[in-house]
Amino acid sequence: MTLFIIIGILLGIVAFIVLGYYLWSTAKEKYNHNIFGIGVLLRGFLSLGCILLLSCSSLSSEAQITYLSLAIVLWLWTFIVTWKNTSFLIAFFSIIYQVTVIYVINTALNKTFQLLKGE
C-alpha cells in the first residue's frame, strides 16, 4: 500500500511539472506571453511581503485587512494581465504555478542566505 502511495505522489509531481511546462510553452508559442515574467515575479513577491506582514501580531485589524486586500489585488492583477494576453484557462491554471514559483524562489533565497550567514 505504501508503494502505491509513493508511486502516486511521484506521478502527481511529474503531472504537475508536465502541465506547468505545457501551460508555459503554449502561452509562449501561441500568445507570445511568458506566464513567469518579471511583472509576475514582482507582483508575487510584493504579495508575499504583504502576507508576511499579516503575521505581525502588533498590526491593527485595519492594517491586516489592508495588507490582505493588497495581496489579493496583486494576484488579481496578475490573473487579469495573464488572461488579457492569453486565454482564461491558461490564466486560471497558471495562477497555481505562479504562486508555486514565488514560494520555491523564496525558499531557495532563504536557504541561500542561511548558508551565507553560516547558520
PDB file of N, CA and C in Angstrom:
ATOM      1  N   MET A   1       0.825  -1.200   0.000  1.00  0.00           N
ATOM      2  CA  MET A   1       0.000   0.000   0.000  1.00  0.00           C
ATOM      3  C   MET A   1       0.865   1.258   0.000  1.00  0.00           C
ATOM      4  N   THR A   2       1.916   1.255   0.791  1.00  0.00           N
ATOM      5  CA  THR A   2       2.813   2.406   0.846  1.00  0.00           C
ATOM      6  C   THR A   2       3.480   2.651  -0.500  1.00  0.00           C
ATOM      7  N   LEU A   3       3.809   1.580  -1.200  1.00  0.00           N
ATOM      8  CA  LEU A   3       4.421   1.709  -2.516  1.00  0.00           C
ATOM      9  C   LEU A   3       3.489   2.428  -3.481  1.00  0.00           C
ATOM     10  N   PHE A   4       2.198   2.111  -3.441  1.00  0.00           N
ATOM     11  CA  PHE A   4       1.238   2.771  -4.314  1.00  0.00           C
ATOM     12  C   PHE A   4       1.111   4.258  -3.984  1.00  0.00           C
ATOM     13  N   ILE A   5       1.190   4.585  -2.709  1.00  0.00           N
ATOM     14  CA  ILE A   5       1.125   5.991  -2.298  1.00  0.00           C
ATOM     15  C   ILE A   5       2.345   6.736  -2.823  1.00  0.00           C
ATOM     16  N   ILE A   6       3.516   6.144  -2.681  1.00  0.00           N
ATOM     17  CA  ILE A   6       4.748   6.773  -3.167  1.00  0.00           C
ATOM     18  C   ILE A   6       4.697   6.943  -4.682  1.00  0.00           C
ATOM     19  N   ILE A   7       4.280   5.924  -5.388  1.00  0.00           N
ATOM     20  CA  ILE A   7       4.164   5.998  -6.848  1.00  0.00           C
ATOM     21  C   ILE A   7       3.143   7.058  -7.241  1.00  0.00           C
ATOM     22  N   GLY A   8       2.027   7.117  -6.536  1.00  0.00           N
ATOM     23  CA  GLY A   8       1.005   8.125  -6.818  1.00  0.00           C
ATOM     24  C   GLY A   8       1.521   9.541  -6.600  1.00  0.00           C
ATOM     25  N   ILE A   9       2.271   9.748  -5.530  1.00  0.00           N
ATOM     26  CA  ILE A   9       2.843  11.066  -5.262  1.00  0.00           C
ATOM     27  C   ILE A   9       3.835  11.445  -6.356  1.00  0.00           C
ATOM     28  N   LEU A  10       4.697  10.501  -6.725  1.00  0.00           N
ATOM     29  CA  LEU A  10       5.676  10.774  -7.782  1.00  0.00           C
ATOM     30  C   LEU A  10       4.992  11.075  -9.117  1.00  0.00           C
ATOM     31  N   LEU A  11       3.961  10.318  -9.448  1.00  0.00           N
ATOM     32  CA  LEU A  11       3.210  10.581 -10.680  1.00  0.00           C
ATOM     33  C   LEU A  11       2.509  11.937 -10.625  1.00  0.00           C
ATOM     34  N   GLY A  12       2.014  12.293  -9.453  1.00  0.00           N
ATOM     35  CA  GLY A  12       1.379  13.598  -9.289  1.00  0.00           C
ATOM     36  C   GLY A  12       2.361  14.743  -9.491  1.00  0.00           C
ATOM     37  N   ILE A  13       3.571  14.591  -8.953  1.00  0.00           N
ATOM     38  CA  ILE A  13       4.605  15.612  -9.138  1.00  0.00           C
ATOM     39  C   ILE A  13       4.987  15.730 -10.602  1.00  0.00           C
ATOM     40  N   VAL A  14       5.163  14.597 -11.264  1.00  0.00           N
ATOM     41  CA  VAL A  14       5.508  14.610 -12.691  1.00  0.00           C
ATOM     42  C   VAL A  14       4.380  15.256 -13.499  1.00  0.00           C
ATOM     43  N   ALA A  15       3.136  14.921 -13.199  1.00  0.00           N
ATOM     44  CA  ALA A  15       1.999  15.505 -13.918  1.00  0.00           C
ATOM     45  C   ALA A  15       1.931  17.016 -13.678  1.00  0.00           C
ATOM     46  N   PHE A  16       2.216  17.456 -12.466  1.00  0.00           N
ATOM     47  CA  PHE A  16       2.221  18.879 -12.134  1.00  0.00           C
ATOM     48  C   PHE A  16       3.274  19.613 -12.962  1.00  0.00           C
ATOM     49  N   ILE A  17       4.463  19.033 -13.052  1.00  0.00           N
ATOM     50  CA  ILE A  17       5.547  19.651 -13.824  1.00  0.00           C
ATOM     51  C   ILE A  17       5.218  19.660 -15.318  1.00  0.00           C
ATOM     52  N   VAL A  18       4.697  18.554 -15.823  1.00  0.00           N
ATOM     53  CA  VAL A  18       4.359  18.471 -17.255  1.00  0.00           C
ATOM     54  C   VAL A  18       3.263  19.481 -17.606  1.00  0.00           C
ATOM     55  N   LEU A  19       2.230  19.586 -16.774  1.00  0.00           N
ATOM     56  CA  LEU A  19       1.166  20.554 -17.033  1.00  0.00           C
ATOM     57  C   LEU A  19       1.705  21.981 -16.984  1.00  0.00           C
ATOM     58  N   GLY A  20       2.586  22.269 -16.037  1.00  0.00           N
ATOM     59  CA  GLY A  20       3.189  23.591 -15.945  1.00  0.00           C
ATOM     60  C   GLY A  20       3.999  23.930 -17.179  1.00  0.00           C
ATOM     61  N   TYR A  21       4.781  22.969 -17.651  1.00  0.00           N
ATOM     62  CA  TYR A  21       5.560  23.197 -18.873  1.00  0.00           C
ATOM     63  C   TYR A  21       4.633  23.396 -20.069  1.00  0.00           C
ATOM     64  N   TYR A  22       3.572  22.623 -20.127  1.00  0.00           N
ATOM     65  CA  TYR A  22       2.610  22.757 -21.227  1.00  0.00           C
ATOM     66  C   TYR A  22       1.958  24.147 -21.213  1.00  0.00           C
ATOM     67  N   LEU A  23       1.562  24.616 -20.030  1.00  0.00           N
ATOM     68  CA  LEU A  23       0.976  25.956 -19.935  1.00  0.00           C
ATOM     69  C   LEU A  23       1.967  27.023 -20.393  1.00  0.00           C
ATOM     70  N   TRP A  24       3.201  26.921 -19.898  1.00  0.00           N
ATOM     71  CA  TRP A  24       4.219  27.901 -20.250  1.00  0.00           C
ATOM     72  C   TRP A  24       4.506  27.886 -21.751  1.00  0.00           C
ATOM     73  N   SER A  25       4.707  26.691 -22.309  1.00  0.00           N
ATOM     74  CA  SER A  25       5.055  26.611 -23.733  1.00  0.00           C
ATOM     75  C   SER A  25       3.891  27.039 -24.627  1.00  0.00           C
ATOM     76  N   THR A  26       2.672  26.703 -24.256  1.00  0.00           N
ATOM     77  CA  THR A  26       1.507  27.122 -25.036  1.00  0.00           C
ATOM     78  C   THR A  26       1.358  28.638 -25.002  1.00  0.00           C
ATOM     79  N   ALA A  27       1.498  29.218 -23.819  1.00  0.00           N
ATOM     80  CA  ALA A  27       1.383  30.676 -23.710  1.00  0.00           C
ATOM     81  C   ALA A  27       2.492  31.365 -24.485  1.00  0.00           C
ATOM     82  N   LYS A  28       3.676  30.793 -24.467  1.00  0.00           N
ATOM     83  CA  LYS A  28       4.813  31.397 -25.160  1.00  0.00           C
ATOM     84  C   LYS A  28       4.674  31.261 -26.680  1.00  0.00           C
ATOM     85  N   GLU A  29       4.325  30.078 -27.157  1.00  0.00           N
ATOM     86  CA  GLU A  29       4.257  29.834 -28.597  1.00  0.00           C
ATOM     87  C   GLU A  29       3.012  30.446 -29.239  1.00  0.00           C
ATOM     88  N   LYS A  30       1.864  30.222 -28.607  1.00  0.00           N
ATOM     89  CA  LYS A  30       0.606  30.637 -29.228  1.00  0.00           C
ATOM     90  C   LYS A  30       0.311  32.122 -29.010  1.00  0.00           C
ATOM     91  N   TYR A  31       0.665  32.645 -27.818  1.00  0.00           N
ATOM     92  CA  TYR A  31       0.306  34.017 -27.474  1.00  0.00           C
ATOM     93  C   TYR A  31       1.519  34.941 -27.299  1.00  0.00           C
ATOM     94  N   ASN A  32       2.727  34.378 -27.362  1.00  0.00           N
ATOM     95  CA  ASN A  32       3.966  35.124 -27.156  1.00  0.00           C
ATOM     96  C   ASN A  32       3.949  35.862 -25.812  1.00  0.00           C
ATOM     97  N   HIS A  33       3.526  35.165 -24.770  1.00  0.00           N
ATOM     98  CA  HIS A  33       3.450  35.733 -23.422  1.00  0.00           C
ATOM     99  C   HIS A  33       4.113  34.767 -22.449  1.00  0.00           C
ATOM    100  N   ASN A  34       5.011  35.291 -21.619  1.00  0.00           N
ATOM    101  CA  ASN A  34       5.683  34.478 -20.611  1.00  0.00           C
ATOM    102  C   ASN A  34       4.890  34.573 -19.306  1.00  0.00           C
ATOM    103  N   ILE A  35       4.306  33.463 -18.880  1.00  0.00           N
ATOM    104  CA  ILE A  35       3.498  33.474 -17.655  1.00  0.00           C
ATOM    105  C   ILE A  35       4.359  33.575 -16.404  1.00  0.00           C
ATOM    106  N   PHE A  36       5.679  33.499 -16.542  1.00  0.00           N
ATOM    107  CA  PHE A  36       6.599  33.646 -15.419  1.00  0.00           C
ATOM    108  C   PHE A  36       7.505  34.860 -15.635  1.00  0.00           C
ATOM    109  N   GLY A  37       6.968  35.923 -16.191  1.00  0.00           N
ATOM    110  CA  GLY A  37       7.744  37.115 -16.491  1.00  0.00           C
ATOM    111  C   GLY A  37       8.098  37.915 -15.248  1.00  0.00           C
ATOM    112  N   ILE A  38       8.857  38.977 -15.471  1.00  0.00           N
ATOM    113  CA  ILE A  38       9.327  39.831 -14.382  1.00  0.00           C
ATOM    114  C   ILE A  38       8.153  40.466 -13.626  1.00  0.00           C
ATOM    115  N   GLY A  39       7.143  40.907 -14.345  1.00  0.00           N
ATOM    116  CA  GLY A  39       5.982  41.516 -13.689  1.00  0.00           C
ATOM    117  C   GLY A  39       5.285  40.552 -12.753  1.00  0.00           C
ATOM    118  N   VAL A  40       5.150  39.319 -13.183  1.00  0.00           N
ATOM    119  CA  VAL A  40       4.527  38.289 -12.343  1.00  0.00           C
ATOM    120  C   VAL A  40       5.355  38.074 -11.080  1.00  0.00           C
ATOM    121  N   LEU A  41       6.672  37.996 -11.255  1.00  0.00           N
ATOM    122  CA  LEU A  41       7.543  37.777 -10.103  1.00  0.00           C
ATOM    123  C   LEU A  41       7.504  38.964  -9.139  1.00  0.00           C
ATOM    124  N   LEU A  42       7.535  40.180  -9.664  1.00  0.00           N
ATOM    125  CA  LEU A  42       7.484  41.356  -8.790  1.00  0.00           C
ATOM    126  C   LEU A  42       6.171  41.426  -8.012  1.00  0.00           C
ATOM    127  N   ARG A  43       5.065  41.237  -8.717  1.00  0.00           N
ATOM    128  CA  ARG A  43       3.768  41.261  -8.021  1.00  0.00           C
ATOM    129  C   ARG A  43       3.665  40.109  -7.020  1.00  0.00           C
ATOM    130  N   GLY A  44       4.240  38.969  -7.365  1.00  0.00           N
ATOM    131  CA  GLY A  44       4.221  37.832  -6.450  1.00  0.00           C
ATOM    132  C   GLY A  44       5.001  38.091  -5.179  1.00  0.00           C
ATOM    133  N   PHE A  45       6.196  38.674  -5.325  1.00  0.00           N
ATOM    134  CA  PHE A  45       6.996  38.969  -4.135  1.00  0.00           C
ATOM    135  C   PHE A  45       6.380  40.091  -3.305  1.00  0.00           C
ATOM    136  N   LEU A  46       5.768  41.072  -3.960  1.00  0.00           N
ATOM    137  CA  LEU A  46       5.063  42.108  -3.195  1.00  0.00           C
ATOM    138  C   LEU A  46       3.903  41.518  -2.405  1.00  0.00           C
ATOM    139  N   SER A  47       3.156  40.613  -3.024  1.00  0.00           N
ATOM    140  CA  SER A  47       2.044  39.993  -2.303  1.00  0.00           C
ATOM    141  C   SER A  47       2.559  39.092  -1.187  1.00  0.00           C
ATOM    142  N   LEU A  48       3.694  38.429  -1.418  1.00  0.00           N
ATOM    143  CA  LEU A  48       4.298  37.617  -0.353  1.00  0.00           C
ATOM    144  C   LEU A  48       4.702  38.504   0.823  1.00  0.00           C
ATOM    145  N   GLY A  49       5.258  39.671   0.516  1.00  0.00           N
ATOM    146  CA  GLY A  49       5.590  40.613   1.589  1.00  0.00           C
ATOM    147  C   GLY A  49       4.357  41.042   2.368  1.00  0.00           C
ATOM    148  N   CYS A  50       3.259  41.273   1.666  1.00  0.00           N
ATOM    149  CA  CYS A  50       2.006  41.635   2.341  1.00  0.00           C
ATOM    150  C   CYS A  50       1.532  40.512   3.251  1.00  0.00           C
ATOM    151  N   ILE A  51       1.620  39.284   2.770  1.00  0.00           N
ATOM    152  CA  ILE A  51       1.188  38.139   3.572  1.00  0.00           C
ATOM    153  C   ILE A  51       2.087  37.974   4.794  1.00  0.00           C
ATOM    154  N   LEU A  52       3.394  38.179   4.616  1.00  0.00           N
ATOM    155  CA  LEU A  52       4.314  38.079   5.754  1.00  0.00           C
ATOM    156  C   LEU A  52       4.043  39.171   6.778  1.00  0.00           C
ATOM    157  N   LEU A  53       3.678  40.365   6.316  1.00  0.00           N
ATOM    158  CA  LEU A  53       3.337  41.440   7.247  1.00  0.00           C
ATOM    159  C   LEU A  53       2.057  41.128   8.017  1.00  0.00           C
ATOM    160  N   LEU A  54       1.196  40.315   7.451  1.00  0.00           N
ATOM    161  CA  LEU A  54      -0.035  39.917   8.153  1.00  0.00           C
ATOM    162  C   LEU A  54       0.272  39.145   9.431  1.00  0.00           C
ATOM    163  N   SER A  55       1.398  38.456   9.443  1.00  0.00           N
ATOM    164  CA  SER A  55       1.723  37.619  10.598  1.00  0.00           C
ATOM    165  C   SER A  55       2.208  38.440  11.795  1.00  0.00           C
ATOM    166  N   CYS A  56       2.459  39.740  11.601  1.00  0.00           N
ATOM    167  CA  CYS A  56       2.866  40.600  12.718  1.00  0.00           C
ATOM    168  C   CYS A  56       1.671  40.802  13.638  1.00  0.00           C
ATOM    169  N   SER A  57       1.831  40.403  14.884  1.00  0.00           N
ATOM    170  CA  SER A  57       0.703  40.490  15.813  1.00  0.00           C
ATOM    171  C   SER A  57       0.451  41.920  16.277  1.00  0.00           C
ATOM    172  N   SER A  58       1.405  42.823  16.056  1.00  0.00           N
ATOM    173  CA  SER A  58       1.239  44.196  16.524  1.00  0.00           C
ATOM    174  C   SER A  58       0.398  45.046  15.566  1.00  0.00           C
ATOM    175  N   LEU A  59       0.025  44.506  14.429  1.00  0.00           N
ATOM    176  CA  LEU A  59      -0.764  45.272  13.461  1.00  0.00           C
ATOM    177  C   LEU A  59      -2.222  45.379  13.888  1.00  0.00           C
ATOM    178  N   SER A  60      -2.816  46.508  13.593  1.00  0.00           N
ATOM    179  CA  SER A  60      -4.243  46.661  13.854  1.00  0.00           C
ATOM    180  C   SER A  60      -5.034  45.849  12.831  1.00  0.00           C
ATOM    181  N   SER A  61      -6.291  45.649  13.112  1.00  0.00           N
ATOM    182  CA  SER A  61      -7.119  44.867  12.196  1.00  0.00           C
ATOM    183  C   SER A  61      -7.293  45.595  10.863  1.00  0.00           C
ATOM    184  N   GLU A  62      -7.302  46.938  10.895  1.00  0.00           N
ATOM    185  CA  GLU A  62      -7.408  47.694   9.652  1.00  0.00           C
ATOM    186  C   GLU A  62      -6.173  47.487   8.791  1.00  0.00           C
ATOM    187  N   ALA A  63      -4.993  47.471   9.414  1.00  0.00           N
ATOM    188  CA  ALA A  63      -3.750  47.250   8.662  1.00  0.00           C
ATOM    189  C   ALA A  63      -3.718  45.835   8.090  1.00  0.00           C
ATOM    190  N   GLN A  64      -4.177  44.869   8.860  1.00  0.00           N
ATOM    191  CA  GLN A  64      -4.210  43.492   8.378  1.00  0.00           C
ATOM    192  C   GLN A  64      -5.144  43.363   7.175  1.00  0.00           C
ATOM    193  N   ILE A  65      -6.292  43.997   7.252  1.00  0.00           N
ATOM    194  CA  ILE A  65      -7.239  43.974   6.135  1.00  0.00           C
ATOM    195  C   ILE A  65      -6.621  44.656   4.911  1.00  0.00           C
ATOM    196  N   THR A  66      -5.897  45.742   5.143  1.00  0.00           N
ATOM    197  CA  THR A  66      -5.248  46.454   4.039  1.00  0.00           C
ATOM    198  C   THR A  66      -4.211  45.571   3.360  1.00  0.00           C
ATOM    199  N   TYR A  67      -3.356  44.912   4.151  1.00  0.00           N
ATOM    200  CA  TYR A  67      -2.338  44.045   3.565  1.00  0.00           C
ATOM    201  C   TYR A  67      -2.951  42.852   2.836  1.00  0.00           C
ATOM    202  N   LEU A  68      -3.978  42.260   3.404  1.00  0.00           N
ATOM    203  CA  LEU A  68      -4.652  41.148   2.742  1.00  0.00           C
ATOM    204  C   LEU A  68      -5.301  41.614   1.445  1.00  0.00           C
ATOM    205  N   SER A  69      -5.946  42.772   1.494  1.00  0.00           N
ATOM    206  CA  SER A  69      -6.581  43.319   0.285  1.00  0.00           C
ATOM    207  C   SER A  69      -5.539  43.619  -0.793  1.00  0.00           C
ATOM    208  N   LEU A  70      -4.408  44.160  -0.398  1.00  0.00           N
ATOM    209  CA  LEU A  70      -3.349  44.459  -1.355  1.00  0.00           C
ATOM    210  C   LEU A  70      -2.809  43.187  -1.997  1.00  0.00           C
ATOM    211  N   ALA A  71      -2.626  42.138  -1.191  1.00  0.00           N
ATOM    212  CA  ALA A  71      -2.154  40.858  -1.738  1.00  0.00           C
ATOM    213  C   ALA A  71      -3.161  40.292  -2.737  1.00  0.00           C
ATOM    214  N   ILE A  72      -4.439  40.373  -2.418  1.00  0.00           N
ATOM    215  CA  ILE A  72      -5.478  39.872  -3.316  1.00  0.00           C
ATOM    216  C   ILE A  72      -5.507  40.693  -4.606  1.00  0.00           C
ATOM    217  N   VAL A  73      -5.389  42.019  -4.494  1.00  0.00           N
ATOM    218  CA  VAL A  73      -5.380  42.881  -5.681  1.00  0.00           C
ATOM    219  C   VAL A  73      -4.181  42.559  -6.566  1.00  0.00           C
ATOM    220  N   LEU A  74      -3.014  42.315  -5.967  1.00  0.00           N
ATOM    221  CA  LEU A  74      -1.827  41.989  -6.762  1.00  0.00           C
ATOM    222  C   LEU A  74      -2.012  40.687  -7.529  1.00  0.00           C
ATOM    223  N   TRP A  75      -2.597  39.663  -6.887  1.00  0.00           N
ATOM    224  CA  TRP A  75      -2.814  38.399  -7.598  1.00  0.00           C
ATOM    225  C   TRP A  75      -3.936  38.515  -8.620  1.00  0.00           C
ATOM    226  N   LEU A  76      -4.944  39.341  -8.343  1.00  0.00           N
ATOM    227  CA  LEU A  76      -5.980  39.592  -9.344  1.00  0.00           C
ATOM    228  C   LEU A  76      -5.390  40.309 -10.549  1.00  0.00           C
ATOM    229  N   TRP A  77      -4.490  41.245 -10.296  1.00  0.00           N
ATOM    230  CA  TRP A  77      -3.805  41.962 -11.362  1.00  0.00           C
ATOM    231  C   TRP A  77      -3.014  40.978 -12.226  1.00  0.00           C
ATOM    232  N   THR A  78      -2.298  40.075 -11.580  1.00  0.00           N
ATOM    233  CA  THR A  78      -1.544  39.058 -12.313  1.00  0.00           C
ATOM    234  C   THR A  78      -2.474  38.195 -13.158  1.00  0.00           C
ATOM    235  N   PHE A  79      -3.598  37.782 -12.584  1.00  0.00           N
ATOM    236  CA  PHE A  79      -4.562  36.967 -13.311  1.00  0.00           C
ATOM    237  C   PHE A  79      -5.104  37.714 -14.527  1.00  0.00           C
ATOM    238  N   ILE A  80      -5.483  38.974 -14.335  1.00  0.00           N
ATOM    239  CA  ILE A  80      -6.074  39.743 -15.423  1.00  0.00           C
ATOM    240  C   ILE A  80      -5.065  39.983 -16.536  1.00  0.00           C
ATOM    241  N   VAL A  81      -3.815  40.293 -16.183  1.00  0.00           N
ATOM    242  CA  VAL A  81      -2.788  40.505 -17.206  1.00  0.00           C
ATOM    243  C   VAL A  81      -2.558  39.216 -17.995  1.00  0.00           C
ATOM    244  N   THR A  82      -2.483  38.093 -17.297  1.00  0.00           N
ATOM    245  CA  THR A  82      -2.283  36.812 -17.983  1.00  0.00           C
ATOM    246  C   THR A  82      -3.486  36.484 -18.853  1.00  0.00           C
ATOM    247  N   TRP A  83      -4.694  36.722 -18.345  1.00  0.00           N
ATOM    248  CA  TRP A  83      -5.913  36.446 -19.114  1.00  0.00           C
ATOM    249  C   TRP A  83      -5.974  37.338 -20.358  1.00  0.00           C
ATOM    250  N   LYS A  84      -5.607  38.622 -20.190  1.00  0.00           N
ATOM    251  CA  LYS A  84      -5.646  39.553 -21.320  1.00  0.00           C
ATOM    252  C   LYS A  84      -4.684  39.118 -22.431  1.00  0.00           C
ATOM    253  N   ASN A  85      -3.543  38.578 -22.034  1.00  0.00           N
ATOM    254  CA  ASN A  85      -2.519  38.210 -23.017  1.00  0.00           C
ATOM    255  C   ASN A  85      -2.626  36.771 -23.510  1.00  0.00           C
ATOM    256  N   THR A  86      -3.401  35.936 -22.824  1.00  0.00           N
ATOM    257  CA  THR A  86      -3.549  34.535 -23.256  1.00  0.00           C
ATOM    258  C   THR A  86      -5.027  34.195 -23.302  1.00  0.00           C
ATOM    259  N   SER A  87      -5.417  33.161 -22.592  1.00  0.00           N
ATOM    260  CA  SER A  87      -6.818  32.755 -22.518  1.00  0.00           C
ATOM    261  C   SER A  87      -7.204  32.570 -21.054  1.00  0.00           C
ATOM    262  N   PHE A  88      -8.501  32.445 -20.811  1.00  0.00           N
ATOM    263  CA  PHE A  88      -8.974  32.295 -19.433  1.00  0.00           C
ATOM    264  C   PHE A  88      -8.411  31.033 -18.781  1.00  0.00           C
ATOM    265  N   LEU A  89      -8.418  29.919 -19.491  1.00  0.00           N
ATOM    266  CA  LEU A  89      -7.933  28.660 -18.897  1.00  0.00           C
ATOM    267  C   LEU A  89      -6.450  28.723 -18.570  1.00  0.00           C
ATOM    268  N   ILE A  90      -5.670  29.300 -19.448  1.00  0.00           N
ATOM    269  CA  ILE A  90      -4.244  29.427 -19.154  1.00  0.00           C
ATOM    270  C   ILE A  90      -4.049  30.341 -17.951  1.00  0.00           C
ATOM    271  N   ALA A  91      -4.770  31.441 -17.893  1.00  0.00           N
ATOM    272  CA  ALA A  91      -4.654  32.365 -16.763  1.00  0.00           C
ATOM    273  C   ALA A  91      -5.086  31.691 -15.463  1.00  0.00           C
ATOM    274  N   PHE A  92      -6.170  30.943 -15.518  1.00  0.00           N
ATOM    275  CA  PHE A  92      -6.694  30.275 -14.321  1.00  0.00           C
ATOM    276  C   PHE A  92      -5.692  29.260 -13.774  1.00  0.00           C
ATOM    277  N   PHE A  93      -5.199  28.393 -14.643  1.00  0.00           N
ATOM    278  CA  PHE A  93      -4.282  27.360 -14.178  1.00  0.00           C
ATOM    279  C   PHE A  93      -2.883  27.904 -13.891  1.00  0.00           C
ATOM    280  N   SER A  94      -2.504  28.964 -14.576  1.00  0.00           N
ATOM    281  CA  SER A  94      -1.150  29.483 -14.354  1.00  0.00           C
ATOM    282  C   SER A  94      -1.009  30.163 -12.999  1.00  0.00           C
ATOM    283  N   ILE A  95      -2.107  30.638 -12.414  1.00  0.00           N
ATOM    284  CA  ILE A  95      -2.033  31.241 -11.081  1.00  0.00           C
ATOM    285  C   ILE A  95      -1.438  30.245 -10.088  1.00  0.00           C
ATOM    286  N   ILE A  96      -1.828  28.999 -10.169  1.00  0.00           N
ATOM    287  CA  ILE A  96      -1.299  27.965  -9.272  1.00  0.00           C
ATOM    288  C   ILE A  96       0.212  27.852  -9.442  1.00  0.00           C
ATOM    289  N   TYR A  97       0.658  27.869 -10.670  1.00  0.00           N
ATOM    290  CA  TYR A  97       2.091  27.740 -10.943  1.00  0.00           C
ATOM    291  C   TYR A  97       2.838  29.015 -10.576  1.00  0.00           C
ATOM    292  N   GLN A  98       2.230  30.154 -10.756  1.00  0.00           N
ATOM    293  CA  GLN A  98       2.882  31.402 -10.408  1.00  0.00           C
ATOM    294  C   GLN A  98       3.081  31.503  -8.891  1.00  0.00           C
ATOM    295  N   VAL A  99       2.086  31.102  -8.127  1.00  0.00           N
ATOM    296  CA  VAL A  99       2.227  31.079  -6.666  1.00  0.00           C
ATOM    297  C   VAL A  99       3.304  30.078  -6.265  1.00  0.00           C
ATOM    298  N   THR A 100       3.322  28.923  -6.905  1.00  0.00           N
ATOM    299  CA  THR A 100       4.320  27.896  -6.597  1.00  0.00           C
ATOM    300  C   THR A 100       5.728  28.399  -6.886  1.00  0.00           C
ATOM    301  N   VAL A 101       5.908  29.094  -8.000  1.00  0.00           N
ATOM    302  CA  VAL A 101       7.229  29.629  -8.348  1.00  0.00           C
ATOM    303  C   VAL A 101       7.688  30.649  -7.311  1.00  0.00           C
ATOM    304  N   ILE A 102       6.803  31.519  -6.866  1.00  0.00           N
ATOM    305  CA  ILE A 102       7.160  32.504  -5.844  1.00  0.00           C
ATOM    306  C   ILE A 102       7.577  31.784  -4.562  1.00  0.00           C
ATOM    307  N   TYR A 103       6.836  30.767  -4.172  1.00  0.00           N
ATOM    308  CA  TYR A 103       7.176  30.007  -2.966  1.00  0.00           C
ATOM    309  C   TYR A 103       8.544  29.331  -3.108  1.00  0.00           C
ATOM    310  N   VAL A 104       8.799  28.701  -4.251  1.00  0.00           N
ATOM    311  CA  VAL A 104      10.067  27.992  -4.464  1.00  0.00           C
ATOM    312  C   VAL A 104      11.240  28.973  -4.481  1.00  0.00           C
ATOM    313  N   ILE A 105      11.085  30.093  -5.168  1.00  0.00           N
ATOM    314  CA  ILE A 105      12.159  31.087  -5.211  1.00  0.00           C
ATOM    315  C   ILE A 105      12.412  31.660  -3.830  1.00  0.00           C
ATOM    316  N   ASN A 106      11.358  31.962  -3.084  1.00  0.00           N
ATOM    317  CA  ASN A 106      11.515  32.489  -1.737  1.00  0.00           C
ATOM    318  C   ASN A 106      12.230  31.481  -0.841  1.00  0.00           C
ATOM    319  N   THR A 107      11.861  30.218  -0.924  1.00  0.00           N
ATOM    320  CA  THR A 107      12.516  29.179  -0.128  1.00  0.00           C
ATOM    321  C   THR A 107      13.985  29.050  -0.500  1.00  0.00           C
ATOM    322  N   ALA A 108      14.280  29.079  -1.798  1.00  0.00           N
ATOM    323  CA  ALA A 108      15.670  28.979  -2.246  1.00  0.00           C
ATOM    324  C   ALA A 108      16.491  30.177  -1.766  1.00  0.00           C
ATOM    325  N   LEU A 109      15.917  31.370  -1.836  1.00  0.00           N
ATOM    326  CA  LEU A 109      16.627  32.553  -1.357  1.00  0.00           C
ATOM    327  C   LEU A 109      16.883  32.476   0.141  1.00  0.00           C
ATOM    328  N   ASN A 110      15.885  32.035   0.896  1.00  0.00           N
ATOM    329  CA  ASN A 110      16.066  31.900   2.344  1.00  0.00           C
ATOM    330  C   ASN A 110      17.162  30.898   2.675  1.00  0.00           C
ATOM    331  N   LYS A 111      17.175  29.767   1.993  1.00  0.00           N
ATOM    332  CA  LYS A 111      18.215  28.751   2.222  1.00  0.00           C
ATOM    333  C   LYS A 111      19.590  29.300   1.853  1.00  0.00           C
ATOM    334  N   THR A 112      19.672  30.033   0.750  1.00  0.00           N
ATOM    335  CA  THR A 112      20.947  30.604   0.321  1.00  0.00           C
ATOM    336  C   THR A 112      21.465  31.608   1.343  1.00  0.00           C
ATOM    337  N   PHE A 113      20.584  32.473   1.833  1.00  0.00           N
ATOM    338  CA  PHE A 113      21.011  33.451   2.825  1.00  0.00           C
ATOM    339  C   PHE A 113      21.417  32.784   4.135  1.00  0.00           C
ATOM    340  N   GLN A 114      20.749  31.697   4.502  1.00  0.00           N
ATOM    341  CA  GLN A 114      21.139  30.960   5.701  1.00  0.00           C
ATOM    342  C   GLN A 114      22.524  30.342   5.529  1.00  0.00           C
ATOM    343  N   LEU A 115      22.811  29.817   4.342  1.00  0.00           N
ATOM    344  CA  LEU A 115      24.132  29.254   4.080  1.00  0.00           C
ATOM    345  C   LEU A 115      25.217  30.326   4.094  1.00  0.00           C
ATOM    346  N   LEU A 116      24.890  31.485   3.540  1.00  0.00           N
ATOM    347  CA  LEU A 116      25.864  32.589   3.523  1.00  0.00           C
ATOM    348  C   LEU A 116      26.148  33.123   4.915  1.00  0.00           C
ATOM    349  N   LYS A 117      25.136  33.114   5.778  1.00  0.00           N
ATOM    350  CA  LYS A 117      25.322  33.553   7.159  1.00  0.00           C
ATOM    351  C   LYS A 117      26.074  32.510   7.975  1.00  0.00           C
ATOM    352  N   GLY A 118      26.048  31.270   7.538  1.00  0.00           N
ATOM    353  CA  GLY A 118      26.739  30.202   8.252  1.00  0.00           C
ATOM    354  C   GLY A 118      25.877  29.536   9.306  1.00  0.00           C
ATOM    355  N   GLU A 119      24.588  29.641   9.179  1.00  0.00           N
ATOM    356  CA  GLU A 119      23.674  29.011  10.157  1.00  0.00           C
ATOM    357  C   GLU A 119      23.522  27.549   9.891  1.00  0.00           C
TER     358      GLU A 119
END
